[in-house]
Amino acid sequence: MIRLFLRLLFIFLGVYIFYIIWKFLTDSEKKEETQKKIVKENLVKDSVCGLYLPESKAVKLQIKNQNYYFCSNECKEKFLKELNSNDKDK
């Protein structure tokens, strides 16, 4: 009876170890596939707060053929206020 119990225990442990190894290998394959799907995109720096963000998510402003990027409309407004105040000082 003890031998039967030990055999079943070893079989269970073997199947469990095989399952853990199989799960580890398949998860790493999924991670690799996901990483391949990630498109590398240029990061741009917010001209006000200095935050880096993907160009597609940035709020853009073009002044005299120069592009400025912002993380939000609030940063864009701050930039425009500073720009206007600097122009008034001149």
PDB file of N, CA and C in Angstrom:
ATOM      1  N   MET A   1       0.824  -1.195   0.000  1.00  0.00           N
ATOM      2  CA  MET A   1       0.000   0.000   0.000  1.00  0.00           C
ATOM      3  C   MET A   1       0.873   1.266   0.000  1.00  0.00           C
ATOM      4  N   ILE A   2       1.949   1.219   0.784  1.00  0.00           N
ATOM      5  CA  ILE A   2       2.849   2.373   0.837  1.00  0.00           C
ATOM      6  C   ILE A   2       3.549   2.558  -0.504  1.00  0.00           C
ATOM      7  N   ARG A   3       3.916   1.437  -1.146  1.00  0.00           N
ATOM      8  CA  ARG A   3       4.571   1.527  -2.457  1.00  0.00           C
ATOM      9  C   ARG A   3       3.636   2.184  -3.479  1.00  0.00           C
ATOM     10  N   LEU A   4       2.391   1.827  -3.470  1.00  0.00           N
ATOM     11  CA  LEU A   4       1.417   2.424  -4.382  1.00  0.00           C
ATOM     12  C   LEU A   4       1.284   3.920  -4.123  1.00  0.00           C
ATOM     13  N   PHE A   5       1.218   4.287  -2.867  1.00  0.00           N
ATOM     14  CA  PHE A   5       1.135   5.692  -2.506  1.00  0.00           C
ATOM     15  C   PHE A   5       2.370   6.455  -2.980  1.00  0.00           C
ATOM     16  N   LEU A   6       3.563   5.893  -2.786  1.00  0.00           N
ATOM     17  CA  LEU A   6       4.799   6.552  -3.219  1.00  0.00           C
ATOM     18  C   LEU A   6       4.855   6.674  -4.741  1.00  0.00           C
ATOM     19  N   ARG A   7       4.424   5.638  -5.456  1.00  0.00           N
ATOM     20  CA  ARG A   7       4.404   5.709  -6.915  1.00  0.00           C
ATOM     21  C   ARG A   7       3.461   6.813  -7.394  1.00  0.00           C
ATOM     22  N   LEU A   8       2.282   6.876  -6.832  1.00  0.00           N
ATOM     23  CA  LEU A   8       1.338   7.929  -7.200  1.00  0.00           C
ATOM     24  C   LEU A   8       1.890   9.316  -6.855  1.00  0.00           C
ATOM     25  N   LEU A   9       2.563   9.426  -5.728  1.00  0.00           N
ATOM     26  CA  LEU A   9       3.169  10.689  -5.329  1.00  0.00           C
ATOM     27  C   LEU A   9       4.244  11.108  -6.324  1.00  0.00           C
ATOM     28  N   PHE A  10       5.107  10.194  -6.740  1.00  0.00           N
ATOM     29  CA  PHE A  10       6.156  10.512  -7.715  1.00  0.00           C
ATOM     30  C   PHE A  10       5.557  10.857  -9.079  1.00  0.00           C
ATOM     31  N   ILE A  11       4.526  10.153  -9.469  1.00  0.00           N
ATOM     32  CA  ILE A  11       3.863  10.472 -10.736  1.00  0.00           C
ATOM     33  C   ILE A  11       3.265  11.878 -10.670  1.00  0.00           C
ATOM     34  N   PHE A  12       2.598  12.183  -9.571  1.00  0.00           N
ATOM     35  CA  PHE A  12       2.018  13.512  -9.401  1.00  0.00           C
ATOM     36  C   PHE A  12       3.107  14.588  -9.435  1.00  0.00           C
ATOM     37  N   LEU A  13       4.196  14.375  -8.725  1.00  0.00           N
ATOM     38  CA  LEU A  13       5.285  15.355  -8.709  1.00  0.00           C
ATOM     39  C   LEU A  13       5.902  15.520 -10.103  1.00  0.00           C
ATOM     40  N   GLY A  14       6.053  14.415 -10.818  1.00  0.00           N
ATOM     41  CA  GLY A  14       6.606  14.493 -12.170  1.00  0.00           C
ATOM     42  C   GLY A  14       5.718  15.299 -13.097  1.00  0.00           C
ATOM     43  N   VAL A  15       4.414  15.039 -13.039  1.00  0.00           N
ATOM     44  CA  VAL A  15       3.467  15.781 -13.872  1.00  0.00           C
ATOM     45  C   VAL A  15       3.466  17.249 -13.475  1.00  0.00           C
ATOM     46  N   TYR A  16       3.523  17.539 -12.192  1.00  0.00           N
ATOM     47  CA  TYR A  16       3.519  18.924 -11.717  1.00  0.00           C
ATOM     48  C   TYR A  16       4.775  19.669 -12.174  1.00  0.00           C
ATOM     49  N   ILE A  17       5.916  19.044 -12.070  1.00  0.00           N
ATOM     50  CA  ILE A  17       7.174  19.664 -12.521  1.00  0.00           C
ATOM     51  C   ILE A  17       7.136  19.896 -14.028  1.00  0.00           C
ATOM     52  N   PHE A  18       6.633  18.909 -14.775  1.00  0.00           N
ATOM     53  CA  PHE A  18       6.494  19.069 -16.222  1.00  0.00           C
ATOM     54  C   PHE A  18       5.581  20.254 -16.538  1.00  0.00           C
ATOM     55  N   TYR A  19       4.477  20.400 -15.808  1.00  0.00           N
ATOM     56  CA  TYR A  19       3.539  21.498 -16.017  1.00  0.00           C
ATOM     57  C   TYR A  19       4.211  22.848 -15.747  1.00  0.00           C
ATOM     58  N   ILE A  20       4.981  22.943 -14.695  1.00  0.00           N
ATOM     59  CA  ILE A  20       5.660  24.203 -14.365  1.00  0.00           C
ATOM     60  C   ILE A  20       6.650  24.568 -15.468  1.00  0.00           C
ATOM     61  N   ILE A  21       7.424  23.607 -15.933  1.00  0.00           N
ATOM     62  CA  ILE A  21       8.395  23.871 -17.003  1.00  0.00           C
ATOM     63  C   ILE A  21       7.677  24.264 -18.281  1.00  0.00           C
ATOM     64  N   TRP A  22       6.618  23.570 -18.636  1.00  0.00           N
ATOM     65  CA  TRP A  22       5.845  23.873 -19.847  1.00  0.00           C
ATOM     66  C   TRP A  22       5.251  25.266 -19.774  1.00  0.00           C
ATOM     67  N   LYS A  23       4.703  25.625 -18.619  1.00  0.00           N
ATOM     68  CA  LYS A  23       4.104  26.944 -18.448  1.00  0.00           C
ATOM     69  C   LYS A  23       5.171  28.033 -18.569  1.00  0.00           C
ATOM     70  N   PHE A  24       6.334  27.817 -17.980  1.00  0.00           N
ATOM     71  CA  PHE A  24       7.427  28.787 -18.062  1.00  0.00           C
ATOM     72  C   PHE A  24       7.853  28.995 -19.513  1.00  0.00           C
ATOM     73  N   LEU A  25       7.982  27.921 -20.262  1.00  0.00           N
ATOM     74  CA  LEU A  25       8.430  28.034 -21.653  1.00  0.00           C
ATOM     75  C   LEU A  25       7.381  28.713 -22.531  1.00  0.00           C
ATOM     76  N   THR A  26       6.124  28.392 -22.344  1.00  0.00           N
ATOM     77  CA  THR A  26       5.090  29.011 -23.179  1.00  0.00           C
ATOM     78  C   THR A  26       4.886  30.471 -22.815  1.00  0.00           C
ATOM     79  N   ASP A  27       5.026  30.843 -21.555  1.00  0.00           N
ATOM     80  CA  ASP A  27       4.899  32.239 -21.159  1.00  0.00           C
ATOM     81  C   ASP A  27       6.010  33.075 -21.759  1.00  0.00           C
ATOM     82  N   SER A  28       7.229  32.552 -21.812  1.00  0.00           N
ATOM     83  CA  SER A  28       8.338  33.314 -22.383  1.00  0.00           C
ATOM     84  C   SER A  28       8.140  33.503 -23.889  1.00  0.00           C
ATOM     85  N   GLU A  29       7.538  32.516 -24.564  1.00  0.00           N
ATOM     86  CA  GLU A  29       7.250  32.670 -25.990  1.00  0.00           C
ATOM     87  C   GLU A  29       6.213  33.763 -26.214  1.00  0.00           C
ATOM     88  N   LYS A  30       5.213  33.843 -25.348  1.00  0.00           N
ATOM     89  CA  LYS A  30       4.189  34.880 -25.465  1.00  0.00           C
ATOM     90  C   LYS A  30       4.803  36.261 -25.234  1.00  0.00           C
ATOM     91  N   LYS A  31       5.721  36.357 -24.279  1.00  0.00           N
ATOM     92  CA  LYS A  31       6.375  37.637 -24.015  1.00  0.00           C
ATOM     93  C   LYS A  31       7.181  38.087 -25.224  1.00  0.00           C
ATOM     94  N   GLU A  32       7.891  37.155 -25.852  1.00  0.00           N
ATOM     95  CA  GLU A  32       8.678  37.491 -27.038  1.00  0.00           C
ATOM     96  C   GLU A  32       7.773  37.965 -28.169  1.00  0.00           C
ATOM     97  N   GLU A  33       6.638  37.302 -28.362  1.00  0.00           N
ATOM     98  CA  GLU A  33       5.703  37.712 -29.409  1.00  0.00           C
ATOM     99  C   GLU A  33       5.161  39.106 -29.126  1.00  0.00           C
ATOM    100  N   THR A  34       4.851  39.381 -27.875  1.00  0.00           N
ATOM    101  CA  THR A  34       4.330  40.695 -27.499  1.00  0.00           C
ATOM    102  C   THR A  34       5.384  41.767 -27.729  1.00  0.00           C
ATOM    103  N   GLN A  35       6.618  41.484 -27.378  1.00  0.00           N
ATOM    104  CA  GLN A  35       7.689  42.458 -27.562  1.00  0.00           C
ATOM    105  C   GLN A  35       7.940  42.733 -29.034  1.00  0.00           C
ATOM    106  N   LYS A  36       7.776  41.745 -29.877  1.00  0.00           N
ATOM    107  CA  LYS A  36       7.949  41.955 -31.306  1.00  0.00           C
ATOM    108  C   LYS A  36       6.853  42.851 -31.874  1.00  0.00           C
ATOM    109  N   LYS A  37       5.660  42.779 -31.280  1.00  0.00           N
ATOM    110  CA  LYS A  37       4.550  43.570 -31.769  1.00  0.00           C
ATOM    111  C   LYS A  37       4.665  45.041 -31.381  1.00  0.00           C
ATOM    112  N   ILE A  38       5.442  45.315 -30.331  1.00  0.00           N
ATOM    113  CA  ILE A  38       5.583  46.697 -29.883  1.00  0.00           C
ATOM    114  C   ILE A  38       6.346  47.482 -30.944  1.00  0.00           C
ATOM    115  N   VAL A  39       5.730  48.538 -31.404  1.00  0.00           N
ATOM    116  CA  VAL A  39       6.348  49.363 -32.430  1.00  0.00           C
ATOM    117  C   VAL A  39       7.228  50.385 -31.735  1.00  0.00           C
ATOM    118  N   LYS A  40       8.461  50.467 -32.190  1.00  0.00           N
ATOM    119  CA  LYS A  40       9.354  51.463 -31.613  1.00  0.00           C
ATOM    120  C   LYS A  40       8.952  52.825 -32.150  1.00  0.00           C
ATOM    121  N   GLU A  41       8.714  53.742 -31.238  1.00  0.00           N
ATOM    122  CA  GLU A  41       8.244  55.060 -31.611  1.00  0.00           C
ATOM    123  C   GLU A  41       9.180  56.099 -30.998  1.00  0.00           C
ATOM    124  N   ASN A  42       9.349  57.196 -31.709  1.00  0.00           N
ATOM    125  CA  ASN A  42      10.209  58.258 -31.215  1.00  0.00           C
ATOM    126  C   ASN A  42       9.613  58.892 -29.972  1.00  0.00           C
ATOM    127  N   LEU A  43      10.472  59.135 -28.999  1.00  0.00           N
ATOM    128  CA  LEU A  43      10.058  59.857 -27.812  1.00  0.00           C
ATOM    129  C   LEU A  43      10.403  61.323 -27.998  1.00  0.00           C
ATOM    130  N   VAL A  44       9.518  62.176 -27.541  1.00  0.00           N
ATOM    131  CA  VAL A  44       9.748  63.614 -27.612  1.00  0.00           C
ATOM    132  C   VAL A  44       9.670  64.175 -26.197  1.00  0.00           C
ATOM    133  N   LYS A  45      10.330  65.300 -26.002  1.00  0.00           N
ATOM    134  CA  LYS A  45      10.400  65.910 -24.679  1.00  0.00           C
ATOM    135  C   LYS A  45       9.447  67.097 -24.610  1.00  0.00           C
ATOM    136  N   ASP A  46       8.655  67.127 -23.543  1.00  0.00           N
ATOM    137  CA  ASP A  46       7.761  68.250 -23.294  1.00  0.00           C
ATOM    138  C   ASP A  46       8.615  69.495 -23.063  1.00  0.00           C
ATOM    139  N   SER A  47       8.300  70.572 -23.774  1.00  0.00           N
ATOM    140  CA  SER A  47       9.088  71.801 -23.700  1.00  0.00           C
ATOM    141  C   SER A  47       8.915  72.536 -22.377  1.00  0.00           C
ATOM    142  N   VAL A  48       7.894  72.186 -21.594  1.00  0.00           N
ATOM    143  CA  VAL A  48       7.646  72.875 -20.326  1.00  0.00           C
ATOM    144  C   VAL A  48       8.104  72.040 -19.132  1.00  0.00           C
ATOM    145  N   CYS A  49       7.548  70.849 -18.991  1.00  0.00           N
ATOM    146  CA  CYS A  49       7.840  70.048 -17.787  1.00  0.00           C
ATOM    147  C   CYS A  49       8.972  69.039 -17.984  1.00  0.00           C
ATOM    148  N   GLY A  50       9.402  68.807 -19.215  1.00  0.00           N
ATOM    149  CA  GLY A  50      10.526  67.912 -19.467  1.00  0.00           C
ATOM    150  C   GLY A  50      10.176  66.437 -19.540  1.00  0.00           C
ATOM    151  N   LEU A  51       8.895  66.109 -19.545  1.00  0.00           N
ATOM    152  CA  LEU A  51       8.457  64.716 -19.614  1.00  0.00           C
ATOM    153  C   LEU A  51       8.687  64.160 -21.017  1.00  0.00           C
ATOM    154  N   TYR A  52       9.191  62.924 -21.092  1.00  0.00           N
ATOM    155  CA  TYR A  52       9.340  62.244 -22.384  1.00  0.00           C
ATOM    156  C   TYR A  52       8.096  61.400 -22.630  1.00  0.00           C
ATOM    157  N   LEU A  53       7.563  61.475 -23.854  1.00  0.00           N
ATOM    158  CA  LEU A  53       6.389  60.697 -24.204  1.00  0.00           C
ATOM    159  C   LEU A  53       6.431  60.368 -25.695  1.00  0.00           C
ATOM    160  N   PRO A  54       5.666  59.343 -26.121  1.00  0.00           N
ATOM    161  CA  PRO A  54       5.641  58.994 -27.545  1.00  0.00           C
ATOM    162  C   PRO A  54       5.094  60.151 -28.371  1.00  0.00           C
ATOM    163  N   GLU A  55       5.672  60.330 -29.531  1.00  0.00           N
ATOM    164  CA  GLU A  55       5.280  61.439 -30.398  1.00  0.00           C
ATOM    165  C   GLU A  55       3.790  61.397 -30.743  1.00  0.00           C
ATOM    166  N   SER A  56       3.241  60.207 -30.904  1.00  0.00           N
ATOM    167  CA  SER A  56       1.823  60.095 -31.277  1.00  0.00           C
ATOM    168  C   SER A  56       0.890  60.553 -30.157  1.00  0.00           C
ATOM    169  N   LYS A  57       1.340  60.543 -28.921  1.00  0.00           N
ATOM    170  CA  LYS A  57       0.500  60.948 -27.793  1.00  0.00           C
ATOM    171  C   LYS A  57       0.703  62.406 -27.411  1.00  0.00           C
ATOM    172  N   ALA A  58       1.690  63.060 -27.985  1.00  0.00           N
ATOM    173  CA  ALA A  58       2.026  64.425 -27.598  1.00  0.00           C
ATOM    174  C   ALA A  58       1.095  65.442 -28.244  1.00  0.00           C
ATOM    175  N   VAL A  59       0.900  66.544 -27.538  1.00  0.00           N
ATOM    176  CA  VAL A  59       0.198  67.703 -28.090  1.00  0.00           C
ATOM    177  C   VAL A  59       1.252  68.507 -28.842  1.00  0.00           C
ATOM    178  N   LYS A  60       0.983  68.790 -30.121  1.00  0.00           N
ATOM    179  CA  LYS A  60       2.005  69.413 -30.972  1.00  0.00           C
ATOM    180  C   LYS A  60       1.660  70.861 -31.262  1.00  0.00           C
ATOM    181  N   LEU A  61       2.715  71.651 -31.397  1.00  0.00           N
ATOM    182  CA  LEU A  61       2.571  73.052 -31.764  1.00  0.00           C
ATOM    183  C   LEU A  61       3.724  73.396 -32.694  1.00  0.00           C
ATOM    184  N   GLN A  62       3.417  74.021 -33.817  1.00  0.00           N
ATOM    185  CA  GLN A  62       4.470  74.393 -34.763  1.00  0.00           C
ATOM    186  C   GLN A  62       4.504  75.919 -34.857  1.00  0.00           C
ATOM    187  N   ILE A  63       5.669  76.477 -34.587  1.00  0.00           N
ATOM    188  CA  ILE A  63       5.877  77.920 -34.681  1.00  0.00           C
ATOM    189  C   ILE A  63       7.118  78.146 -35.534  1.00  0.00           C
ATOM    190  N   LYS A  64       6.950  78.882 -36.615  1.00  0.00           N
ATOM    191  CA  LYS A  64       8.049  79.210 -37.532  1.00  0.00           C
ATOM    192  C   LYS A  64       8.841  77.962 -37.926  1.00  0.00           C
ATOM    193  N   ASN A  65       8.134  76.947 -38.389  1.00  0.00           N
ATOM    194  CA  ASN A  65       8.714  75.676 -38.853  1.00  0.00           C
ATOM    195  C   ASN A  65       9.489  74.924 -37.780  1.00  0.00           C
ATOM    196  N   GLN A  66       9.235  75.223 -36.521  1.00  0.00           N
ATOM    197  CA  GLN A  66       9.843  74.473 -35.421  1.00  0.00           C
ATOM    198  C   GLN A  66       8.726  73.805 -34.626  1.00  0.00           C
ATOM    199  N   ASN A  67       8.895  72.513 -34.381  1.00  0.00           N
ATOM    200  CA  ASN A  67       7.885  71.747 -33.653  1.00  0.00           C
ATOM    201  C   ASN A  67       8.166  71.771 -32.162  1.00  0.00           C
ATOM    202  N   TYR A  68       7.115  71.962 -31.377  1.00  0.00           N
ATOM    203  CA  TYR A  68       7.173  71.891 -29.930  1.00  0.00           C
ATOM    204  C   TYR A  68       6.181  70.816 -29.492  1.00  0.00           C
ATOM    205  N   TYR A  69       6.558  70.029 -28.498  1.00  0.00           N
ATOM    206  CA  TYR A  69       5.720  68.928 -28.039  1.00  0.00           C
ATOM    207  C   TYR A  69       5.403  69.114 -26.561  1.00  0.00           C
ATOM    208  N   PHE A  70       4.187  68.722 -26.187  1.00  0.00           N
ATOM    209  CA  PHE A  70       3.728  68.888 -24.815  1.00  0.00           C
ATOM    210  C   PHE A  70       2.971  67.647 -24.371  1.00  0.00           C
ATOM    211  N   CYS A  71       3.013  67.390 -23.067  1.00  0.00           N
ATOM    212  CA  CYS A  71       2.296  66.228 -22.529  1.00  0.00           C
ATOM    213  C   CYS A  71       0.812  66.504 -22.378  1.00  0.00           C
ATOM    214  N   SER A  72       0.446  67.781 -22.300  1.00  0.00           N
ATOM    215  CA  SER A  72      -0.967  68.130 -22.112  1.00  0.00           C
ATOM    216  C   SER A  72      -1.227  69.531 -22.654  1.00  0.00           C
ATOM    217  N   ASN A  73      -2.497  69.858 -22.744  1.00  0.00           N
ATOM    218  CA  ASN A  73      -2.868  71.212 -23.172  1.00  0.00           C
ATOM    219  C   ASN A  73      -2.451  72.253 -22.139  1.00  0.00           C
ATOM    220  N   GLU A  74      -2.401  71.852 -20.863  1.00  0.00           N
ATOM    221  CA  GLU A  74      -1.983  72.777 -19.812  1.00  0.00           C
ATOM    222  C   GLU A  74      -0.542  73.224 -20.033  1.00  0.00           C
ATOM    223  N   CYS A  75       0.342  72.267 -20.363  1.00  0.00           N
ATOM    224  CA  CYS A  75       1.736  72.623 -20.629  1.00  0.00           C
ATOM    225  C   CYS A  75       1.844  73.495 -21.882  1.00  0.00           C
ATOM    226  N   LYS A  76       1.027  73.202 -22.861  1.00  0.00           N
ATOM    227  CA  LYS A  76       1.030  74.010 -24.085  1.00  0.00           C
ATOM    228  C   LYS A  76       0.624  75.448 -23.767  1.00  0.00           C
ATOM    229  N   GLU A  77      -0.417  75.614 -22.943  1.00  0.00           N
ATOM    230  CA  GLU A  77      -0.884  76.945 -22.570  1.00  0.00           C
ATOM    231  C   GLU A  77       0.186  77.700 -21.773  1.00  0.00           C
ATOM    232  N   LYS A  78       0.873  77.006 -20.862  1.00  0.00           N
ATOM    233  CA  LYS A  78       1.963  77.631 -20.103  1.00  0.00           C
ATOM    234  C   LYS A  78       3.051  78.128 -21.049  1.00  0.00           C
ATOM    235  N   PHE A  79       3.385  77.292 -22.023  1.00  0.00           N
ATOM    236  CA  PHE A  79       4.411  77.657 -22.997  1.00  0.00           C
ATOM    237  C   PHE A  79       3.996  78.898 -23.779  1.00  0.00           C
ATOM    238  N   LEU A  80       2.749  78.932 -24.234  1.00  0.00           N
ATOM    239  CA  LEU A  80       2.260  80.077 -25.001  1.00  0.00           C
ATOM    240  C   LEU A  80       2.228  81.349 -24.158  1.00  0.00           C
ATOM    241  N   LYS A  81       1.856  81.241 -22.875  1.00  0.00           N
ATOM    242  CA  LYS A  81       1.856  82.400 -21.988  1.00  0.00           C
ATOM    243  C   LYS A  81       3.271  82.938 -21.805  1.00  0.00           C
ATOM    244  N   GLU A  82       4.231  82.015 -21.596  1.00  0.00           N
ATOM    245  CA  GLU A  82       5.628  82.439 -21.436  1.00  0.00           C
ATOM    246  C   GLU A  82       6.148  83.071 -22.725  1.00  0.00           C
ATOM    247  N   LEU A  83       5.772  82.496 -23.838  1.00  0.00           N
ATOM    248  CA  LEU A  83       6.196  83.023 -25.137  1.00  0.00           C
ATOM    249  C   LEU A  83       5.630  84.424 -25.361  1.00  0.00           C
ATOM    250  N   ASN A  84       4.355  84.615 -25.027  1.00  0.00           N
ATOM    251  CA  ASN A  84       3.712  85.924 -25.175  1.00  0.00           C
ATOM    252  C   ASN A  84       4.322  86.953 -24.224  1.00  0.00           C
ATOM    253  N   SER A  85       4.618  86.547 -22.995  1.00  0.00           N
ATOM    254  CA  SER A  85       5.213  87.484 -22.056  1.00  0.00           C
ATOM    255  C   SER A  85       6.631  87.875 -22.474  1.00  0.00           C
ATOM    256  N   ASN A  86       7.364  86.944 -23.068  1.00  0.00           N
ATOM    257  CA  ASN A  86       8.707  87.266 -23.565  1.00  0.00           C
ATOM    258  C   ASN A  86       8.636  88.198 -24.763  1.00  0.00           C
ATOM    259  N   ASP A  87       7.629  88.013 -25.610  1.00  0.00           N
ATOM    260  CA  ASP A  87       7.455  88.902 -26.772  1.00  0.00           C
ATOM    261  C   ASP A  87       7.080  90.307 -26.336  1.00  0.00           C
ATOM    262  N   LYS A  88       6.284  90.447 -25.275  1.00  0.00           N
ATOM    263  CA  LYS A  88       5.877  91.762 -24.788  1.00  0.00           C
ATOM    264  C   LYS A  88       7.063  92.519 -24.179  1.00  0.00           C
ATOM    265  N   ASP A  89       7.999  91.762 -23.565  1.00  0.00           N
ATOM    266  CA  ASP A  89       9.160  92.386 -22.946  1.00  0.00           C
ATOM    267  C   ASP A  89      10.115  92.963 -23.979  1.00  0.00           C
ATOM    268  N   LYS A  90      10.095  92.470 -25.194  1.00  0.00           N
ATOM    269  CA  LYS A  90      11.042  92.916 -26.219  1.00  0.00           C
ATOM    270  C   LYS A  90      10.653  94.194 -26.833  1.00  0.00           C
TER     271      LYS A  90
END
